[in-house]
Amino acid sequence: MRALGEAITTAAETTRGAKPESIRVVLTECAPDMWFVGGRTLAAVRAPALPASARLRRCGRTDPRRAA
């Protein structure tokens, strides 16, 4: 983690012209179900997509040819 903090500090110093003593880096680990992307949990975003047949069963439909 130290190397990551140093690298981020160096990047901020180089790209922003900031003085190292004015740069703060905070690393926080967060569970995927407590982090949201586009209104969905990160766990849901990362979950493999269900095949069409499973999506149909979840909606109570079984025949993909039937109109919704």
PDB file of N, CA and C in Angstrom:
ATOM      1  N   MET A   1       0.820  -1.188   0.000  1.00  0.00           N
ATOM      2  CA  MET A   1       0.000   0.000   0.000  1.00  0.00           C
ATOM      3  C   MET A   1       0.869   1.259   0.000  1.00  0.00           C
ATOM      4  N   ARG A   2       2.003   1.160   0.646  1.00  0.00           N
ATOM      5  CA  ARG A   2       2.890   2.328   0.688  1.00  0.00           C
ATOM      6  C   ARG A   2       3.312   2.735  -0.720  1.00  0.00           C
ATOM      7  N   ALA A   3       3.680   1.745  -1.549  1.00  0.00           N
ATOM      8  CA  ALA A   3       4.117   2.046  -2.915  1.00  0.00           C
ATOM      9  C   ALA A   3       2.989   2.694  -3.720  1.00  0.00           C
ATOM     10  N   LEU A   4       1.771   2.232  -3.510  1.00  0.00           N
ATOM     11  CA  LEU A   4       0.622   2.809  -4.207  1.00  0.00           C
ATOM     12  C   LEU A   4       0.427   4.269  -3.797  1.00  0.00           C
ATOM     13  N   GLY A   5       0.480   4.532  -2.501  1.00  0.00           N
ATOM     14  CA  GLY A   5       0.339   5.904  -2.011  1.00  0.00           C
ATOM     15  C   GLY A   5       1.422   6.818  -2.550  1.00  0.00           C
ATOM     16  N   GLU A   6       2.648   6.308  -2.590  1.00  0.00           N
ATOM     17  CA  GLU A   6       3.754   7.105  -3.123  1.00  0.00           C
ATOM     18  C   GLU A   6       3.571   7.373  -4.615  1.00  0.00           C
ATOM     19  N   ALA A   7       3.115   6.358  -5.359  1.00  0.00           N
ATOM     20  CA  ALA A   7       2.918   6.519  -6.802  1.00  0.00           C
ATOM     21  C   ALA A   7       1.804   7.523  -7.102  1.00  0.00           C
ATOM     22  N   ILE A   8       0.726   7.461  -6.336  1.00  0.00           N
ATOM     23  CA  ILE A   8      -0.375   8.408  -6.535  1.00  0.00           C
ATOM     24  C   ILE A   8       0.080   9.823  -6.196  1.00  0.00           C
ATOM     25  N   THR A   9       0.853   9.957  -5.127  1.00  0.00           N
ATOM     26  CA  THR A   9       1.380  11.269  -4.742  1.00  0.00           C
ATOM     27  C   THR A   9       2.270  11.822  -5.841  1.00  0.00           C
ATOM     28  N   THR A  10       3.152  10.987  -6.369  1.00  0.00           N
ATOM     29  CA  THR A  10       4.048  11.416  -7.444  1.00  0.00           C
ATOM     30  C   THR A  10       3.257  11.816  -8.683  1.00  0.00           C
ATOM     31  N   ALA A  11       2.221  11.044  -9.011  1.00  0.00           N
ATOM     32  CA  ALA A  11       1.389  11.366 -10.179  1.00  0.00           C
ATOM     33  C   ALA A  11       0.688  12.710  -9.992  1.00  0.00           C
ATOM     34  N   ALA A  12       0.164  12.962  -8.806  1.00  0.00           N
ATOM     35  CA  ALA A  12      -0.502  14.240  -8.533  1.00  0.00           C
ATOM     36  C   ALA A  12       0.500  15.389  -8.592  1.00  0.00           C
ATOM     37  N   GLU A  13       1.670  15.150  -8.057  1.00  0.00           N
ATOM     38  CA  GLU A  13       2.716  16.175  -8.077  1.00  0.00           C
ATOM     39  C   GLU A  13       3.110  16.502  -9.520  1.00  0.00           C
ATOM     40  N   THR A  14       3.288  15.466 -10.325  1.00  0.00           N
ATOM     41  CA  THR A  14       3.722  15.645 -11.708  1.00  0.00           C
ATOM     42  C   THR A  14       2.646  16.266 -12.589  1.00  0.00           C
ATOM     43  N   THR A  15       1.432  15.760 -12.483  1.00  0.00           N
ATOM     44  CA  THR A  15       0.369  16.203 -13.392  1.00  0.00           C
ATOM     45  C   THR A  15      -0.332  17.475 -12.945  1.00  0.00           C
ATOM     46  N   ARG A  16      -0.353  17.734 -11.651  1.00  0.00           N
ATOM     47  CA  ARG A  16      -1.082  18.895 -11.123  1.00  0.00           C
ATOM     48  C   ARG A  16      -0.159  19.997 -10.612  1.00  0.00           C
ATOM     49  N   GLY A  17       1.124  19.677 -10.499  1.00  0.00           N
ATOM     50  CA  GLY A  17       2.050  20.667  -9.975  1.00  0.00           C
ATOM     51  C   GLY A  17       1.881  20.910  -8.483  1.00  0.00           C
ATOM     52  N   ALA A  18       1.264  19.950  -7.813  1.00  0.00           N
ATOM     53  CA  ALA A  18       1.013  20.095  -6.372  1.00  0.00           C
ATOM     54  C   ALA A  18       2.264  19.743  -5.577  1.00  0.00           C
ATOM     55  N   LYS A  19       2.404  20.366  -4.428  1.00  0.00           N
ATOM     56  CA  LYS A  19       3.511  20.042  -3.537  1.00  0.00           C
ATOM     57  C   LYS A  19       3.152  18.758  -2.789  1.00  0.00           C
ATOM     58  N   PRO A  20       4.093  17.828  -2.649  1.00  0.00           N
ATOM     59  CA  PRO A  20       3.804  16.548  -1.987  1.00  0.00           C
ATOM     60  C   PRO A  20       3.167  16.711  -0.608  1.00  0.00           C
ATOM     61  N   GLU A  21       3.585  17.724   0.139  1.00  0.00           N
ATOM     62  CA  GLU A  21       3.042  17.890   1.492  1.00  0.00           C
ATOM     63  C   GLU A  21       1.585  18.354   1.492  1.00  0.00           C
ATOM     64  N   SER A  22       1.090  18.792   0.325  1.00  0.00           N
ATOM     65  CA  SER A  22      -0.313  19.216   0.255  1.00  0.00           C
ATOM     66  C   SER A  22      -1.230  18.119  -0.302  1.00  0.00           C
ATOM     67  N   ILE A  23      -0.652  16.986  -0.669  1.00  0.00           N
ATOM     68  CA  ILE A  23      -1.423  15.893  -1.277  1.00  0.00           C
ATOM     69  C   ILE A  23      -1.831  14.893  -0.204  1.00  0.00           C
ATOM     70  N   ARG A  24      -3.087  14.513  -0.223  1.00  0.00           N
ATOM     71  CA  ARG A  24      -3.605  13.500   0.705  1.00  0.00           C
ATOM     72  C   ARG A  24      -4.131  12.333  -0.116  1.00  0.00           C
ATOM     73  N   VAL A  25      -3.747  11.133   0.241  1.00  0.00           N
ATOM     74  CA  VAL A  25      -4.222   9.923  -0.430  1.00  0.00           C
ATOM     75  C   VAL A  25      -4.916   9.071   0.616  1.00  0.00           C
ATOM     76  N   VAL A  26      -6.153   8.709   0.345  1.00  0.00           N
ATOM     77  CA  VAL A  26      -6.916   7.862   1.264  1.00  0.00           C
ATOM     78  C   VAL A  26      -7.328   6.611   0.501  1.00  0.00           C
ATOM     79  N   LEU A  27      -6.966   5.458   1.014  1.00  0.00           N
ATOM     80  CA  LEU A  27      -7.361   4.186   0.415  1.00  0.00           C
ATOM     81  C   LEU A  27      -8.385   3.540   1.331  1.00  0.00           C
ATOM     82  N   THR A  28      -9.524   3.212   0.777  1.00  0.00           N
ATOM     83  CA  THR A  28     -10.591   2.601   1.560  1.00  0.00           C
ATOM     84  C   THR A  28     -11.100   1.370   0.834  1.00  0.00           C
ATOM     85  N   GLU A  29     -11.094   0.240   1.524  1.00  0.00           N
ATOM     86  CA  GLU A  29     -11.676  -0.966   0.943  1.00  0.00           C
ATOM     87  C   GLU A  29     -13.169  -0.950   1.225  1.00  0.00           C
ATOM     88  N   CYS A  30     -13.935  -1.366   0.245  1.00  0.00           N
ATOM     89  CA  CYS A  30     -15.381  -1.315   0.363  1.00  0.00           C
ATOM     90  C   CYS A  30     -15.960  -2.603  -0.210  1.00  0.00           C
ATOM     91  N   ALA A  31     -16.863  -3.224   0.520  1.00  0.00           N
ATOM     92  CA  ALA A  31     -17.499  -4.454   0.051  1.00  0.00           C
ATOM     93  C   ALA A  31     -18.301  -4.169  -1.221  1.00  0.00           C
ATOM     94  N   PRO A  32     -18.299  -5.096  -2.189  1.00  0.00           N
ATOM     95  CA  PRO A  32     -19.005  -4.876  -3.453  1.00  0.00           C
ATOM     96  C   PRO A  32     -20.495  -4.569  -3.301  1.00  0.00           C
ATOM     97  N   ASP A  33     -21.106  -5.012  -2.209  1.00  0.00           N
ATOM     98  CA  ASP A  33     -22.532  -4.721  -2.033  1.00  0.00           C
ATOM     99  C   ASP A  33     -22.772  -3.384  -1.341  1.00  0.00           C
ATOM    100  N   MET A  34     -21.691  -2.663  -1.027  1.00  0.00           N
ATOM    101  CA  MET A  34     -21.804  -1.344  -0.409  1.00  0.00           C
ATOM    102  C   MET A  34     -21.273  -0.245  -1.335  1.00  0.00           C
ATOM    103  N   TRP A  35     -20.996  -0.594  -2.585  1.00  0.00           N
ATOM    104  CA  TRP A  35     -20.449   0.336  -3.561  1.00  0.00           C
ATOM    105  C   TRP A  35     -21.400   0.342  -4.749  1.00  0.00           C
ATOM    106  N   PHE A  36     -21.784   1.500  -5.235  1.00  0.00           N
ATOM    107  CA  PHE A  36     -22.783   1.576  -6.294  1.00  0.00           C
ATOM    108  C   PHE A  36     -22.214   2.202  -7.558  1.00  0.00           C
ATOM    109  N   VAL A  37     -22.595   1.639  -8.690  1.00  0.00           N
ATOM    110  CA  VAL A  37     -22.197   2.124 -10.008  1.00  0.00           C
ATOM    111  C   VAL A  37     -23.470   2.232 -10.835  1.00  0.00           C
ATOM    112  N   GLY A  38     -23.821   3.414 -11.237  1.00  0.00           N
ATOM    113  CA  GLY A  38     -25.032   3.594 -12.029  1.00  0.00           C
ATOM    114  C   GLY A  38     -26.288   3.123 -11.322  1.00  0.00           C
ATOM    115  N   GLY A  39     -26.321   3.254  -9.997  1.00  0.00           N
ATOM    116  CA  GLY A  39     -27.499   2.864  -9.229  1.00  0.00           C
ATOM    117  C   GLY A  39     -27.573   1.384  -8.910  1.00  0.00           C
ATOM    118  N   ARG A  40     -26.586   0.614  -9.346  1.00  0.00           N
ATOM    119  CA  ARG A  40     -26.553  -0.826  -9.052  1.00  0.00           C
ATOM    120  C   ARG A  40     -25.346  -1.115  -8.173  1.00  0.00           C
ATOM    121  N   THR A  41     -25.471  -2.142  -7.322  1.00  0.00           N
ATOM    122  CA  THR A  41     -24.318  -2.496  -6.505  1.00  0.00           C
ATOM    123  C   THR A  41     -23.217  -3.027  -7.411  1.00  0.00           C
ATOM    124  N   LEU A  42     -21.986  -2.857  -6.976  1.00  0.00           N
ATOM    125  CA  LEU A  42     -20.854  -3.370  -7.735  1.00  0.00           C
ATOM    126  C   LEU A  42     -20.950  -4.888  -7.845  1.00  0.00           C
ATOM    127  N   ALA A  43     -21.483  -5.546  -6.813  1.00  0.00           N
ATOM    128  CA  ALA A  43     -21.666  -6.997  -6.857  1.00  0.00           C
ATOM    129  C   ALA A  43     -22.581  -7.373  -8.017  1.00  0.00           C
ATOM    130  N   ALA A  44     -23.653  -6.612  -8.209  1.00  0.00           N
ATOM    131  CA  ALA A  44     -24.585  -6.892  -9.306  1.00  0.00           C
ATOM    132  C   ALA A  44     -23.940  -6.603 -10.656  1.00  0.00           C
ATOM    133  N   VAL A  45     -23.161  -5.540 -10.733  1.00  0.00           N
ATOM    134  CA  VAL A  45     -22.488  -5.186 -11.981  1.00  0.00           C
ATOM    135  C   VAL A  45     -21.502  -6.280 -12.366  1.00  0.00           C
ATOM    136  N   ARG A  46     -20.799  -6.834 -11.386  1.00  0.00           N
ATOM    137  CA  ARG A  46     -19.795  -7.864 -11.643  1.00  0.00           C
ATOM    138  C   ARG A  46     -20.393  -9.247 -11.881  1.00  0.00           C
ATOM    139  N   ALA A  47     -21.625  -9.461 -11.450  1.00  0.00           N
ATOM    140  CA  ALA A  47     -22.247 -10.784 -11.570  1.00  0.00           C
ATOM    141  C   ALA A  47     -22.392 -11.153 -13.043  1.00  0.00           C
ATOM    142  N   PRO A  48     -22.140 -12.431 -13.352  1.00  0.00           N
ATOM    143  CA  PRO A  48     -22.308 -12.843 -14.750  1.00  0.00           C
ATOM    144  C   PRO A  48     -23.766 -12.704 -15.163  1.00  0.00           C
ATOM    145  N   ALA A  49     -23.972 -12.335 -16.394  1.00  0.00           N
ATOM    146  CA  ALA A  49     -25.334 -12.175 -16.908  1.00  0.00           C
ATOM    147  C   ALA A  49     -26.024 -13.529 -16.958  1.00  0.00           C
ATOM    148  N   LEU A  50     -27.291 -13.551 -16.623  1.00  0.00           N
ATOM    149  CA  LEU A  50     -28.069 -14.783 -16.705  1.00  0.00           C
ATOM    150  C   LEU A  50     -28.365 -15.091 -18.168  1.00  0.00           C
ATOM    151  N   PRO A  51     -28.355 -16.383 -18.545  1.00  0.00           N
ATOM    152  CA  PRO A  51     -28.765 -16.720 -19.907  1.00  0.00           C
ATOM    153  C   PRO A  51     -30.233 -16.352 -20.107  1.00  0.00           C
ATOM    154  N   ALA A  52     -30.647 -16.173 -21.345  1.00  0.00           N
ATOM    155  CA  ALA A  52     -32.019 -15.752 -21.653  1.00  0.00           C
ATOM    156  C   ALA A  52     -33.042 -16.677 -21.022  1.00  0.00           C
ATOM    157  N   SER A  53     -32.794 -17.983 -21.032  1.00  0.00           N
ATOM    158  CA  SER A  53     -33.767 -18.929 -20.472  1.00  0.00           C
ATOM    159  C   SER A  53     -33.966 -18.688 -18.981  1.00  0.00           C
ATOM    160  N   ALA A  54     -32.898 -18.357 -18.266  1.00  0.00           N
ATOM    161  CA  ALA A  54     -33.011 -18.093 -16.824  1.00  0.00           C
ATOM    162  C   ALA A  54     -33.744 -16.780 -16.583  1.00  0.00           C
ATOM    163  N   ARG A  55     -33.496 -15.771 -17.433  1.00  0.00           N
ATOM    164  CA  ARG A  55     -34.203 -14.500 -17.284  1.00  0.00           C
ATOM    165  C   ARG A  55     -35.695 -14.695 -17.506  1.00  0.00           C
ATOM    166  N   LEU A  56     -36.053 -15.513 -18.479  1.00  0.00           N
ATOM    167  CA  LEU A  56     -37.468 -15.777 -18.751  1.00  0.00           C
ATOM    168  C   LEU A  56     -38.121 -16.468 -17.566  1.00  0.00           C
ATOM    169  N   ARG A  57     -37.447 -17.469 -16.991  1.00  0.00           N
ATOM    170  CA  ARG A  57     -38.006 -18.182 -15.839  1.00  0.00           C
ATOM    171  C   ARG A  57     -38.198 -17.245 -14.661  1.00  0.00           C
ATOM    172  N   ARG A  58     -37.264 -16.315 -14.467  1.00  0.00           N
ATOM    173  CA  ARG A  58     -37.395 -15.358 -13.365  1.00  0.00           C
ATOM    174  C   ARG A  58     -38.615 -14.481 -13.539  1.00  0.00           C
ATOM    175  N   CYS A  59     -39.006 -14.234 -14.770  1.00  0.00           N
ATOM    176  CA  CYS A  59     -40.171 -13.386 -15.048  1.00  0.00           C
ATOM    177  C   CYS A  59     -41.448 -14.208 -15.146  1.00  0.00           C
ATOM    178  N   GLY A  60     -41.362 -15.521 -14.943  1.00  0.00           N
ATOM    179  CA  GLY A  60     -42.540 -16.371 -15.024  1.00  0.00           C
ATOM    180  C   GLY A  60     -42.871 -16.812 -16.434  1.00  0.00           C
ATOM    181  N   ARG A  61     -42.003 -16.505 -17.383  1.00  0.00           N
ATOM    182  CA  ARG A  61     -42.229 -16.926 -18.761  1.00  0.00           C
ATOM    183  C   ARG A  61     -41.302 -18.087 -19.072  1.00  0.00           C
ATOM    184  N   THR A  62     -41.704 -18.947 -19.976  1.00  0.00           N
ATOM    185  CA  THR A  62     -40.850 -20.066 -20.358  1.00  0.00           C
ATOM    186  C   THR A  62     -40.618 -20.135 -21.857  1.00  0.00           C
ATOM    187  N   ASP A  63     -41.461 -19.513 -22.647  1.00  0.00           N
ATOM    188  CA  ASP A  63     -41.347 -19.586 -24.098  1.00  0.00           C
ATOM    189  C   ASP A  63     -40.815 -18.258 -24.640  1.00  0.00           C
ATOM    190  N   PRO A  64     -39.567 -18.248 -25.134  1.00  0.00           N
ATOM    191  CA  PRO A  64     -38.989 -16.989 -25.609  1.00  0.00           C
ATOM    192  C   PRO A  64     -39.696 -16.435 -26.836  1.00  0.00           C
ATOM    193  N   ARG A  65     -40.509 -17.241 -27.519  1.00  0.00           N
ATOM    194  CA  ARG A  65     -41.214 -16.771 -28.718  1.00  0.00           C
ATOM    195  C   ARG A  65     -42.490 -16.016 -28.372  1.00  0.00           C
ATOM    196  N   ARG A  66     -42.992 -16.221 -27.144  1.00  0.00           N
ATOM    197  CA  ARG A  66     -44.225 -15.528 -26.733  1.00  0.00           C
ATOM    198  C   ARG A  66     -43.956 -14.051 -26.520  1.00  0.00           C
ATOM    199  N   ALA A  67     -44.901 -13.256 -26.859  1.00  0.00           N
ATOM    200  CA  ALA A  67     -44.769 -11.809 -26.638  1.00  0.00           C
ATOM    201  C   ALA A  67     -44.796 -11.520 -25.149  1.00  0.00           C
ATOM    202  N   ALA A  68     -44.086 -10.497 -24.759  1.00  0.00           N
ATOM    203  CA  ALA A  68     -44.026 -10.131 -23.334  1.00  0.00           C
ATOM    204  C   ALA A  68     -45.350  -9.594 -22.858  1.00  0.00           C
TER     205      ALA A  68
END
